[in-house]
Amino acid sequence: MKPCDCLLNCLLRTDPVPEEGEDVAATISATETLSEEEQQELRRELAKVEEEIQTLSQVLAAKEKHLAEIKRKLGINSLQELKQNIAKGWQDVTATSAYKKTSETLSQAGQKASAAFSSVGSVITKKLEDVKNSPTFKSFEEKVENLKSKVGGTKPAGGDFGEVLNSTANASATSEPLPEQTQGGL
């Protein structure tokens, strides 16, 4: 026998190919210990299994075609299936303990943040009241009222600070223009 005949025989052999991690030497020795009759029986079984796989593939293809036809008749399209799958997936996610724990934790964090913001708002309000009642602010308020009375006349007592500022701004807007404004950019 020529070396190329041996190579050709090795390539045309129908012995099983060893799987990953399987010992090649054990596979070769196993086929050598099988009788010709046992090898023929295994080849027939192999052909039968391959034929069953082919038949099952054909049956599966026919079932998928039938499924598509039923969905078409029911008006179920890919978009509806996607929506259903997403809804089901979301339902599955919300049912997990991890989601429930996370949701609960975020809810508690939100409540604590809300309470903190409320408390900060109260503190700011109190500080602004303190500033408004301070001697410095009172002095400033008096000066603004004096200025207002000089510019726009007297106002009955009881006007609030915002009204004073608005009336002062209005009085300034109606007063005579400054000399720089009348020269017109000369």
Protein backbone atom coordinates (compact mmCIF):
# COMPACT_ATOMS: atom_id res chain seq x y z
CA MET A 1 0.00 0.00 0.00
CA LYS A 2 1.35 3.39 -0.96
CA PRO A 3 1.51 6.19 1.64
CA CYS A 4 -1.02 8.27 -0.29
CA ASP A 5 -3.50 5.31 -0.21
CA CYS A 6 -3.22 5.24 3.58
CA LEU A 7 -3.85 8.98 3.73
CA LEU A 8 -6.84 8.62 1.42
CA ASN A 9 -8.27 5.81 3.55
CA CYS A 10 -7.81 7.89 6.69
CA LEU A 11 -9.62 10.85 5.15
CA LEU A 12 -12.53 8.73 3.88
CA ARG A 13 -13.01 6.90 7.16
CA THR A 14 -16.42 7.31 8.81
CA ASP A 15 -15.16 6.79 12.33
CA PRO A 16 -16.51 9.21 14.89
CA VAL A 17 -14.48 12.37 15.43
CA PRO A 18 -13.35 12.71 19.01
CA GLU A 19 -15.09 15.41 21.02
CA GLU A 20 -13.19 18.11 22.86
CA GLY A 21 -11.34 16.60 25.78
CA GLU A 22 -11.85 13.06 24.48
CA ASP A 23 -8.76 10.93 24.19
CA VAL A 24 -7.92 10.39 20.51
CA ALA A 25 -6.00 7.22 21.27
CA ALA A 26 -8.99 5.74 23.10
CA THR A 27 -11.26 6.53 20.12
CA ILE A 28 -8.94 4.85 17.63
CA SER A 29 -8.53 1.77 19.80
CA ALA A 30 -12.32 1.54 20.35
CA THR A 31 -13.04 1.34 16.61
CA GLU A 32 -10.30 -1.21 16.13
CA THR A 33 -11.81 -3.48 18.79
CA LEU A 34 -15.28 -3.42 17.16
CA SER A 35 -16.01 -6.24 14.80
CA GLU A 36 -17.10 -5.50 11.24
CA GLU A 37 -20.65 -6.51 12.16
CA GLU A 38 -20.74 -4.13 15.15
CA GLN A 39 -19.43 -1.31 12.99
CA GLN A 40 -22.14 -2.00 10.39
CA GLU A 41 -24.80 -1.98 13.12
CA LEU A 42 -23.54 1.38 14.45
CA ARG A 43 -23.51 2.82 10.91
CA ARG A 44 -27.15 1.71 10.43
CA GLU A 45 -28.09 3.29 13.76
CA LEU A 46 -26.25 6.47 12.79
CA ALA A 47 -28.14 6.65 9.50
CA LYS A 48 -31.42 6.05 11.34
CA VAL A 49 -30.74 8.85 13.86
CA GLU A 50 -29.73 11.24 11.06
CA GLU A 51 -32.96 10.37 9.21
CA GLU A 52 -35.01 11.01 12.40
CA ILE A 53 -33.29 14.38 12.83
CA GLN A 54 -34.15 15.29 9.23
CA THR A 55 -37.79 14.23 9.76
CA LEU A 56 -38.04 16.24 13.00
CA SER A 57 -36.59 19.30 11.24
CA GLN A 58 -39.25 19.00 8.54
CA VAL A 59 -42.02 18.56 11.12
CA LEU A 60 -40.74 21.60 13.02
CA ALA A 61 -40.71 23.71 9.84
CA ALA A 62 -44.29 22.65 9.08
CA LYS A 63 -45.40 23.49 12.65
CA GLU A 64 -43.74 26.93 12.44
CA LYS A 65 -45.53 27.59 9.14
CA HIS A 66 -48.85 26.53 10.70
CA LEU A 67 -48.16 28.76 13.72
CA ALA A 68 -47.49 31.75 11.44
CA GLU A 69 -50.75 31.09 9.57
CA ILE A 70 -52.76 30.95 12.83
CA LYS A 71 -51.16 34.21 14.03
CA ARG A 72 -51.95 35.86 10.70
CA LYS A 73 -55.61 34.80 10.95
CA LEU A 74 -55.81 36.11 14.51
CA GLY A 75 -54.23 39.40 13.47
CA ILE A 76 -51.23 38.95 15.70
CA ASN A 77 -48.22 40.67 14.16
CA SER A 78 -44.61 41.03 15.21
CA LEU A 79 -45.19 44.38 16.88
CA GLN A 80 -47.98 42.98 19.05
CA GLU A 81 -45.81 40.02 19.96
CA LEU A 82 -42.99 42.36 20.88
CA LYS A 83 -45.33 44.41 23.08
CA GLN A 84 -46.59 41.25 24.77
CA ASN A 85 -43.04 39.99 25.30
CA ILE A 86 -41.95 43.32 26.77
CA ALA A 87 -45.00 43.43 29.05
CA LYS A 88 -44.36 39.87 30.18
CA GLY A 89 -40.67 40.60 30.68
CA TRP A 90 -41.47 43.71 32.73
CA GLN A 91 -43.95 41.73 34.80
CA ASP A 92 -41.27 39.10 35.41
CA VAL A 93 -38.75 41.77 36.42
CA THR A 94 -41.12 43.48 38.84
CA ALA A 95 -41.87 40.13 40.45
CA THR A 96 -38.22 39.55 41.37
CA SER A 97 -37.05 40.14 44.92
CA ALA A 98 -34.16 42.30 43.67
CA TYR A 99 -36.61 44.69 41.98
CA LYS A 100 -38.82 44.81 45.05
CA LYS A 101 -35.86 45.56 47.33
CA THR A 102 -34.55 48.24 44.95
CA SER A 103 -37.98 49.81 44.61
CA GLU A 104 -38.43 49.88 48.37
CA THR A 105 -34.98 51.40 48.89
CA LEU A 106 -35.59 54.10 46.27
CA SER A 107 -38.97 54.88 47.81
CA GLN A 108 -37.39 55.33 51.23
CA ALA A 109 -34.63 57.48 49.74
CA GLY A 110 -37.25 59.65 48.03
CA GLN A 111 -39.14 60.11 51.29
CA LYS A 112 -35.94 61.06 53.11
CA ALA A 113 -34.95 63.50 50.35
CA SER A 114 -38.41 65.07 50.44
CA ALA A 115 -38.17 65.50 54.20
CA ALA A 116 -34.69 67.00 53.84
CA PHE A 117 -35.85 69.50 51.20
CA SER A 118 -38.81 70.44 53.35
CA SER A 119 -36.54 71.02 56.31
CA VAL A 120 -34.10 73.07 54.19
CA GLY A 121 -37.03 75.18 52.96
CA SER A 122 -38.13 75.80 56.54
CA VAL A 123 -34.61 76.79 57.55
CA ILE A 124 -34.31 79.20 54.61
CA THR A 125 -37.69 80.75 55.40
CA LYS A 126 -36.67 81.24 59.04
CA LYS A 127 -33.33 82.78 58.03
CA LEU A 128 -35.05 85.20 55.65
CA GLU A 129 -37.45 86.20 58.42
CA ASP A 130 -34.46 86.74 60.71
CA VAL A 131 -32.80 88.93 58.07
CA LYS A 132 -36.01 90.93 57.55
CA ASN A 133 -36.27 91.51 61.30
CA SER A 134 -32.59 92.44 61.69
CA PRO A 135 -31.61 96.02 62.58
CA THR A 136 -29.57 96.35 59.37
CA PHE A 137 -32.51 95.44 57.17
CA LYS A 138 -34.83 97.71 59.16
CA SER A 139 -32.38 100.57 58.65
CA PHE A 140 -32.19 99.84 54.92
CA GLU A 141 -35.96 99.66 54.68
CA GLU A 142 -36.27 103.04 56.41
CA LYS A 143 -33.75 104.59 54.00
CA VAL A 144 -35.66 103.25 51.02
CA GLU A 145 -38.92 104.61 52.39
CA ASN A 146 -37.29 107.99 52.98
CA LEU A 147 -35.97 107.99 49.43
CA LYS A 148 -39.39 107.08 48.14
CA SER A 149 -41.04 109.85 50.04
CA LYS A 150 -38.52 112.33 48.63
CA VAL A 151 -38.94 111.06 45.07
CA GLY A 152 -42.59 110.14 44.83
CA GLY A 153 -44.34 111.71 47.73
CA THR A 154 -45.50 110.18 50.94
CA LYS A 155 -47.33 106.93 51.10
CA PRO A 156 -49.67 106.00 53.85
CA ALA A 157 -48.05 103.86 56.49
CA GLY A 158 -48.28 100.12 56.05
CA GLY A 159 -46.84 99.79 52.52
CA ASP A 160 -44.67 96.74 52.15
CA PHE A 161 -41.09 96.67 50.95
CA GLY A 162 -41.93 95.23 47.50
CA GLU A 163 -44.38 98.05 46.80
CA VAL A 164 -41.76 100.59 47.86
CA LEU A 165 -39.19 99.14 45.50
CA ASN A 166 -41.69 99.03 42.61
CA SER A 167 -42.79 102.60 43.13
CA THR A 168 -39.18 103.76 43.39
CA ALA A 169 -38.37 102.02 40.13
CA ASN A 170 -41.42 103.64 38.48
CA ALA A 171 -40.45 107.05 39.81
CA SER A 172 -36.93 106.63 38.42
CA ALA A 173 -38.27 105.63 35.02
CA THR A 174 -40.48 108.77 34.76
CA SER A 175 -37.85 111.23 36.00
CA GLU A 176 -35.84 113.46 33.67
CA PRO A 177 -33.08 111.78 31.66
CA LEU A 178 -29.51 112.22 32.70
CA PRO A 179 -27.36 114.65 30.70
CA GLU A 180 -25.42 111.76 29.19
CA GLN A 181 -28.65 110.31 27.80
CA THR A 182 -29.73 113.60 26.17
CA GLN A 183 -26.46 114.13 24.28
CA GLY A 184 -27.26 111.08 22.10
CA GLY A 185 -23.81 109.62 21.84
CA LEU A 186 -21.96 112.76 20.55
